[in-house]
PDB file of N, CA and C in Angstrom:
ATOM      1  N   MET A   1       1.082  -1.260  -0.080  1.00  0.00           N
ATOM      2  CA  MET A   1      -0.108  -0.012  -0.024  1.00  0.00           C
ATOM      3  C   MET A   1       0.932   1.223  -0.256  1.00  0.00           C
ATOM      4  N   LYS A   2       0.491   2.655  -0.545  1.00  0.00           N
ATOM      5  CA  LYS A   2       1.055   3.313  -0.695  1.00  0.00           C
ATOM      6  C   LYS A   2       0.891   4.309   0.525  1.00  0.00           C
ATOM      7  N   THR A   3       1.854   5.160   0.601  1.00  0.00           N
ATOM      8  CA  THR A   3       1.939   6.327   1.817  1.00  0.00           C
ATOM      9  C   THR A   3       1.381   7.338   1.755  1.00  0.00           C
ATOM     10  N   LEU A   4       1.429   8.319   2.687  1.00  0.00           N
ATOM     11  CA  LEU A   4       1.003   9.569   2.673  1.00  0.00           C
ATOM     12  C   LEU A   4       1.884  10.502   1.642  1.00  0.00           C
ATOM     13  N   VAL A   5       3.276  10.218   1.741  1.00  0.00           N
ATOM     14  CA  VAL A   5       4.313  10.708   0.557  1.00  0.00           C
ATOM     15  C   VAL A   5       3.808  10.483  -0.523  1.00  0.00           C
ATOM     16  N   ASP A   6       3.604   9.301  -0.852  1.00  0.00           N
ATOM     17  CA  ASP A   6       3.122   9.135  -2.239  1.00  0.00           C
ATOM     18  C   ASP A   6       1.811   9.587  -2.733  1.00  0.00           C
ATOM     19  N   PHE A   7       0.939   9.983  -1.807  1.00  0.00           N
ATOM     20  CA  PHE A   7      -0.098  10.819  -2.182  1.00  0.00           C
ATOM     21  C   PHE A   7       0.381  12.188  -2.440  1.00  0.00           C
ATOM     22  N   VAL A   8       1.533  12.793  -1.530  1.00  0.00           N
ATOM     23  CA  VAL A   8       1.525  14.047  -1.626  1.00  0.00           C
ATOM     24  C   VAL A   8       2.389  14.097  -3.281  1.00  0.00           C
ATOM     25  N   ILE A   9       3.124  13.494  -3.639  1.00  0.00           N
ATOM     26  CA  ILE A   9       3.587  13.140  -4.970  1.00  0.00           C
ATOM     27  C   ILE A   9       2.857  13.144  -5.941  1.00  0.00           C
ATOM     28  N   GLU A  10       1.535  12.226  -5.765  1.00  0.00           N
ATOM     29  CA  GLU A  10       0.684  12.002  -6.711  1.00  0.00           C
ATOM     30  C   GLU A  10      -0.388  12.975  -6.897  1.00  0.00           C
ATOM     31  N   MET A  11      -0.682  13.777  -5.895  1.00  0.00           N
ATOM     32  CA  MET A  11      -1.724  14.631  -6.110  1.00  0.00           C
ATOM     33  C   MET A  11      -1.575  15.816  -6.999  1.00  0.00           C
ATOM     34  N   PRO A  12      -0.626  16.445  -7.393  1.00  0.00           N
ATOM     35  CA  PRO A  12      -0.524  17.416  -8.129  1.00  0.00           C
ATOM     36  C   PRO A  12      -0.990  16.919  -9.507  1.00  0.00           C
ATOM     37  N   ALA A  13      -0.542  15.872  -9.913  1.00  0.00           N
ATOM     38  CA  ALA A  13      -1.005  15.169 -11.239  1.00  0.00           C
ATOM     39  C   ALA A  13      -2.506  14.753 -11.591  1.00  0.00           C
ATOM     40  N   ASP A  14      -3.295  15.144 -10.495  1.00  0.00           N
ATOM     41  CA  ASP A  14      -4.517  14.247 -10.607  1.00  0.00           C
ATOM     42  C   ASP A  14      -5.593  15.300  -9.557  1.00  0.00           C
ATOM     43  N   ALA A  15      -6.030  16.203 -10.618  1.00  0.00           N
ATOM     44  CA  ALA A  15      -6.750  17.448 -10.106  1.00  0.00           C
ATOM     45  C   ALA A  15      -7.966  16.752  -9.565  1.00  0.00           C
ATOM     46  N   ALA A  16      -8.539  15.747  -9.755  1.00  0.00           N
ATOM     47  CA  ALA A  16      -9.827  15.082  -9.061  1.00  0.00           C
ATOM     48  C   ALA A  16      -9.309  14.558  -7.773  1.00  0.00           C
ATOM     49  N   LEU A  17      -8.447  14.009  -7.503  1.00  0.00           N
ATOM     50  CA  LEU A  17      -8.164  13.397  -6.425  1.00  0.00           C
ATOM     51  C   LEU A  17      -7.863  14.506  -5.262  1.00  0.00           C
ATOM     52  N   ALA A  18      -6.920  15.630  -5.995  1.00  0.00           N
ATOM     53  CA  ALA A  18      -6.928  16.754  -4.956  1.00  0.00           C
ATOM     54  C   ALA A  18      -8.200  17.642  -4.484  1.00  0.00           C
ATOM     55  N   GLN A  19      -9.109  17.590  -5.357  1.00  0.00           N
ATOM     56  CA  GLN A  19     -10.572  18.022  -4.825  1.00  0.00           C
ATOM     57  C   GLN A  19     -11.256  16.950  -3.878  1.00  0.00           C
ATOM     58  N   GLU A  20     -11.373  15.839  -4.247  1.00  0.00           N
ATOM     59  CA  GLU A  20     -11.799  14.748  -3.689  1.00  0.00           C
ATOM     60  C   GLU A  20     -11.177  14.776  -1.905  1.00  0.00           C
ATOM     61  N   ALA A  21      -9.614  14.977  -1.959  1.00  0.00           N
ATOM     62  CA  ALA A  21      -9.055  14.990  -0.796  1.00  0.00           C
ATOM     63  C   ALA A  21      -9.478  16.277  -0.035  1.00  0.00           C
ATOM     64  N   LYS A  22      -9.395  17.399  -0.599  1.00  0.00           N
ATOM     65  CA  LYS A  22     -10.044  18.536  -0.102  1.00  0.00           C
ATOM     66  C   LYS A  22     -11.334  18.315   0.522  1.00  0.00           C
ATOM     67  N   GLN A  23     -12.263  18.077  -0.032  1.00  0.00           N
ATOM     68  CA  GLN A  23     -13.602  18.218   0.178  1.00  0.00           C
ATOM     69  C   GLN A  23     -13.740  17.129   1.193  1.00  0.00           C
ATOM     70  N   THR A  24     -13.001  15.791   1.297  1.00  0.00           N
ATOM     71  CA  THR A  24     -12.885  14.995   2.333  1.00  0.00           C
ATOM     72  C   THR A  24     -12.519  15.309   3.737  1.00  0.00           C
ATOM     73  N   ILE A  25     -10.989  15.906   3.762  1.00  0.00           N
ATOM     74  CA  ILE A  25     -10.717  16.433   4.741  1.00  0.00           C
ATOM     75  C   ILE A  25     -11.383  17.779   5.698  1.00  0.00           C
ATOM     76  N   LEU A  26     -11.745  18.682   4.924  1.00  0.00           N
ATOM     77  CA  LEU A  26     -12.497  19.863   5.429  1.00  0.00           C
ATOM     78  C   LEU A  26     -13.860  19.469   5.837  1.00  0.00           C
ATOM     79  N   ALA A  27     -14.573  18.305   5.158  1.00  0.00           N
ATOM     80  CA  ALA A  27     -15.988  18.051   5.774  1.00  0.00           C
ATOM     81  C   ALA A  27     -15.647  17.015   6.727  1.00  0.00           C
ATOM     82  N   ALA A  28     -14.497  16.337   6.955  1.00  0.00           N
ATOM     83  CA  ALA A  28     -14.528  15.282   8.140  1.00  0.00           C
ATOM     84  C   ALA A  28     -14.803  15.611   9.282  1.00  0.00           C
ATOM     85  N   SER A  29     -15.627  14.526   9.901  1.00  0.00           N
ATOM     86  CA  SER A  29     -16.174  14.699  11.378  1.00  0.00           C
ATOM     87  C   SER A  29     -15.277  13.848  12.422  1.00  0.00           C
ATOM     88  N   SER A  30     -14.544  13.019  11.741  1.00  0.00           N
ATOM     89  CA  SER A  30     -13.528  12.211  12.366  1.00  0.00           C
ATOM     90  C   SER A  30     -12.312  11.910  11.881  1.00  0.00           C
ATOM     91  N   ILE A  31     -11.333  11.709  12.622  1.00  0.00           N
ATOM     92  CA  ILE A  31     -10.065  11.009  12.135  1.00  0.00           C
ATOM     93  C   ILE A  31     -10.390   9.756  11.292  1.00  0.00           C
ATOM     94  N   ASN A  32     -10.917   8.712  11.853  1.00  0.00           N
ATOM     95  CA  ASN A  32     -11.618   7.705  11.085  1.00  0.00           C
ATOM     96  C   ASN A  32     -12.087   7.835   9.672  1.00  0.00           C
ATOM     97  N   GLU A  33     -12.845   8.641   9.453  1.00  0.00           N
ATOM     98  CA  GLU A  33     -13.469   9.199   8.370  1.00  0.00           C
ATOM     99  C   GLU A  33     -12.354   9.501   7.378  1.00  0.00           C
ATOM    100  N   VAL A  34     -11.188  10.216   7.511  1.00  0.00           N
ATOM    101  CA  VAL A  34     -10.470  10.491   6.735  1.00  0.00           C
ATOM    102  C   VAL A  34      -9.286   9.418   6.646  1.00  0.00           C
ATOM    103  N   GLN A  35      -8.796   8.740   7.405  1.00  0.00           N
ATOM    104  CA  GLN A  35      -8.240   7.341   7.758  1.00  0.00           C
ATOM    105  C   GLN A  35      -8.790   6.546   6.353  1.00  0.00           C
ATOM    106  N   GLN A  36     -10.006   6.241   6.884  1.00  0.00           N
ATOM    107  CA  GLN A  36     -11.057   5.392   5.806  1.00  0.00           C
ATOM    108  C   GLN A  36     -10.997   5.971   4.219  1.00  0.00           C
ATOM    109  N   TRP A  37     -10.978   6.985   4.188  1.00  0.00           N
ATOM    110  CA  TRP A  37     -10.713   7.551   2.923  1.00  0.00           C
ATOM    111  C   TRP A  37      -9.577   7.267   2.040  1.00  0.00           C
ATOM    112  N   PHE A  38      -8.580   7.298   2.855  1.00  0.00           N
ATOM    113  CA  PHE A  38      -7.115   7.336   2.347  1.00  0.00           C
ATOM    114  C   PHE A  38      -6.959   5.806   1.662  1.00  0.00           C
ATOM    115  N   ALA A  39      -7.613   4.740   2.763  1.00  0.00           N
ATOM    116  CA  ALA A  39      -7.584   3.221   2.570  1.00  0.00           C
ATOM    117  C   ALA A  39      -8.041   3.197   1.512  1.00  0.00           C
ATOM    118  N   ALA A  40      -9.336   3.393   1.341  1.00  0.00           N
ATOM    119  CA  ALA A  40     -10.009   3.302   0.017  1.00  0.00           C
ATOM    120  C   ALA A  40      -9.628   3.659  -1.152  1.00  0.00           C
ATOM    121  N   LYS A  41      -8.436   4.678  -1.185  1.00  0.00           N
ATOM    122  CA  LYS A  41      -7.768   5.283  -2.360  1.00  0.00           C
ATOM    123  C   LYS A  41      -6.580   4.340  -2.494  1.00  0.00           C
ATOM    124  N   GLY A  42      -6.274   3.670  -1.544  1.00  0.00           N
ATOM    125  CA  GLY A  42      -5.132   2.560  -1.664  1.00  0.00           C
ATOM    126  C   GLY A  42      -3.755   3.195  -0.849  1.00  0.00           C
ATOM    127  N   TYR A  43      -4.128   4.204   0.192  1.00  0.00           N
ATOM    128  CA  TYR A  43      -2.710   4.776   0.859  1.00  0.00           C
ATOM    129  C   TYR A  43      -3.091   4.556   2.213  1.00  0.00           C
ATOM    130  N   ALA A  44      -1.786   4.126   2.787  1.00  0.00           N
ATOM    131  CA  ALA A  44      -1.694   3.688   4.469  1.00  0.00           C
ATOM    132  C   ALA A  44      -1.563   4.811   5.169  1.00  0.00           C
ATOM    133  N   VAL A  45      -2.486   5.468   5.618  1.00  0.00           N
ATOM    134  CA  VAL A  45      -1.938   6.852   6.234  1.00  0.00           C
ATOM    135  C   VAL A  45      -2.436   6.762   7.754  1.00  0.00           C
ATOM    136  N   SER A  46      -1.348   7.041   8.438  1.00  0.00           N
ATOM    137  CA  SER A  46      -1.649   6.654  10.101  1.00  0.00           C
ATOM    138  C   SER A  46      -2.647   7.418  10.759  1.00  0.00           C
ATOM    139  N   GLU A  47      -3.345   7.370  11.868  1.00  0.00           N
ATOM    140  CA  GLU A  47      -4.174   8.132  12.750  1.00  0.00           C
ATOM    141  C   GLU A  47      -3.584   9.495  13.111  1.00  0.00           C
ATOM    142  N   GLN A  48      -2.197   9.053  13.409  1.00  0.00           N
ATOM    143  CA  GLN A  48      -1.552  10.504  13.786  1.00  0.00           C
ATOM    144  C   GLN A  48      -1.521  11.600  12.747  1.00  0.00           C
ATOM    145  N   GLU A  49      -1.044  11.179  11.508  1.00  0.00           N
ATOM    146  CA  GLU A  49      -1.025  11.756  10.144  1.00  0.00           C
ATOM    147  C   GLU A  49      -2.488  12.401   9.864  1.00  0.00           C
ATOM    148  N   CYS A  50      -3.828  11.751  10.087  1.00  0.00           N
ATOM    149  CA  CYS A  50      -5.125  12.326   9.874  1.00  0.00           C
ATOM    150  C   CYS A  50      -5.106  13.142  10.774  1.00  0.00           C
ATOM    151  N   VAL A  51      -4.617  13.009  12.022  1.00  0.00           N
ATOM    152  CA  VAL A  51      -5.108  14.109  13.129  1.00  0.00           C
ATOM    153  C   VAL A  51      -4.172  15.470  12.698  1.00  0.00           C
ATOM    154  N   ARG A  52      -3.130  15.391  11.989  1.00  0.00           N
ATOM    155  CA  ARG A  52      -2.211  16.332  11.635  1.00  0.00           C
ATOM    156  C   ARG A  52      -2.835  17.019  10.405  1.00  0.00           C
ATOM    157  N   LEU A  53      -3.470  16.306   9.553  1.00  0.00           N
ATOM    158  CA  LEU A  53      -4.241  17.015   8.422  1.00  0.00           C
ATOM    159  C   LEU A  53      -5.396  17.526   8.778  1.00  0.00           C
ATOM    160  N   ILE A  54      -6.226  16.975   9.917  1.00  0.00           N
ATOM    161  CA  ILE A  54      -7.364  17.795  10.417  1.00  0.00           C
ATOM    162  C   ILE A  54      -7.179  18.714  11.018  1.00  0.00           C
ATOM    163  N   GLU A  55      -6.053  18.886  11.759  1.00  0.00           N
ATOM    164  CA  GLU A  55      -5.713  20.247  12.749  1.00  0.00           C
ATOM    165  C   GLU A  55      -5.022  21.238  11.722  1.00  0.00           C
ATOM    166  N   ASN A  56      -4.504  20.922  10.421  1.00  0.00           N
ATOM    167  CA  ASN A  56      -4.101  21.956   9.478  1.00  0.00           C
ATOM    168  C   ASN A  56      -5.003  22.299   8.395  1.00  0.00           C
ATOM    169  N   LYS A  57      -6.140  21.791   8.408  1.00  0.00           N
ATOM    170  CA  LYS A  57      -7.022  21.700   7.485  1.00  0.00           C
ATOM    171  C   LYS A  57      -7.249  23.186   6.847  1.00  0.00           C
ATOM    172  N   VAL A  58      -7.205  24.316   7.541  1.00  0.00           N
ATOM    173  CA  VAL A  58      -7.435  25.628   6.848  1.00  0.00           C
ATOM    174  C   VAL A  58      -6.283  25.806   6.192  1.00  0.00           C
ATOM    175  N   LYS A  59      -4.924  25.770   6.313  1.00  0.00           N
ATOM    176  CA  LYS A  59      -3.624  25.852   5.909  1.00  0.00           C
ATOM    177  C   LYS A  59      -3.636  24.913   4.684  1.00  0.00           C
ATOM    178  N   LEU A  60      -4.408  23.494   4.865  1.00  0.00           N
ATOM    179  CA  LEU A  60      -4.461  22.671   3.315  1.00  0.00           C
ATOM    180  C   LEU A  60      -5.267  23.357   2.628  1.00  0.00           C
ATOM    181  N   GLU A  61      -6.351  23.821   2.987  1.00  0.00           N
ATOM    182  CA  GLU A  61      -7.357  24.418   1.710  1.00  0.00           C
ATOM    183  C   GLU A  61      -6.776  25.391   1.000  1.00  0.00           C
ATOM    184  N   GLN A  62      -6.076  26.633   1.891  1.00  0.00           N
ATOM    185  CA  GLN A  62      -5.310  27.534   1.180  1.00  0.00           C
ATOM    186  C   GLN A  62      -4.348  27.207   0.118  1.00  0.00           C
ATOM    187  N   THR A  63      -3.503  26.202   0.339  1.00  0.00           N
ATOM    188  CA  THR A  63      -2.580  25.477  -0.399  1.00  0.00           C
ATOM    189  C   THR A  63      -3.069  24.877  -1.701  1.00  0.00           C
ATOM    190  N   ILE A  64      -4.336  24.260  -1.472  1.00  0.00           N
ATOM    191  CA  ILE A  64      -4.981  23.398  -2.597  1.00  0.00           C
ATOM    192  C   ILE A  64      -5.554  24.500  -3.398  1.00  0.00           C
ATOM    193  N   VAL A  65      -6.480  25.445  -2.919  1.00  0.00           N
ATOM    194  CA  VAL A  65      -6.890  26.647  -3.650  1.00  0.00           C
ATOM    195  C   VAL A  65      -6.116  27.200  -4.332  1.00  0.00           C
ATOM    196  N   LYS A  66      -4.897  27.762  -3.681  1.00  0.00           N
ATOM    197  CA  LYS A  66      -3.876  28.587  -4.316  1.00  0.00           C
ATOM    198  C   LYS A  66      -3.236  27.697  -5.734  1.00  0.00           C
ATOM    199  N   ALA A  67      -3.389  26.222  -5.471  1.00  0.00           N
ATOM    200  CA  ALA A  67      -2.510  25.552  -6.492  1.00  0.00           C
ATOM    201  C   ALA A  67      -3.889  25.125  -7.839  1.00  0.00           C
ATOM    202  N   GLY A  68      -5.076  25.850  -7.405  1.00  0.00           N
ATOM    203  CA  GLY A  68      -5.882  25.856  -8.559  1.00  0.00           C
ATOM    204  C   GLY A  68      -7.019  24.379  -8.459  1.00  0.00           C
ATOM    205  N   TYR A  69      -6.843  23.721  -7.474  1.00  0.00           N
ATOM    206  CA  TYR A  69      -7.496  22.489  -7.266  1.00  0.00           C
ATOM    207  C   TYR A  69      -8.917  22.962  -6.680  1.00  0.00           C
TER     208      TYR A  69
END
């Protein structure tokens, strides 16, 4: 299974994946929800990594929007 690093590398080349990730992380009501989304996409992302994503979702949204996704 791929990791979060693989996701970061692959996301810029896949606008649909970036958009779906943005929507999932911003709307997530739990860490488990984010972790399950990544698993469904083939990525092994730890609970701690999901916590960090949720904690920083405002920054992530700004970065994704700035990149045009």
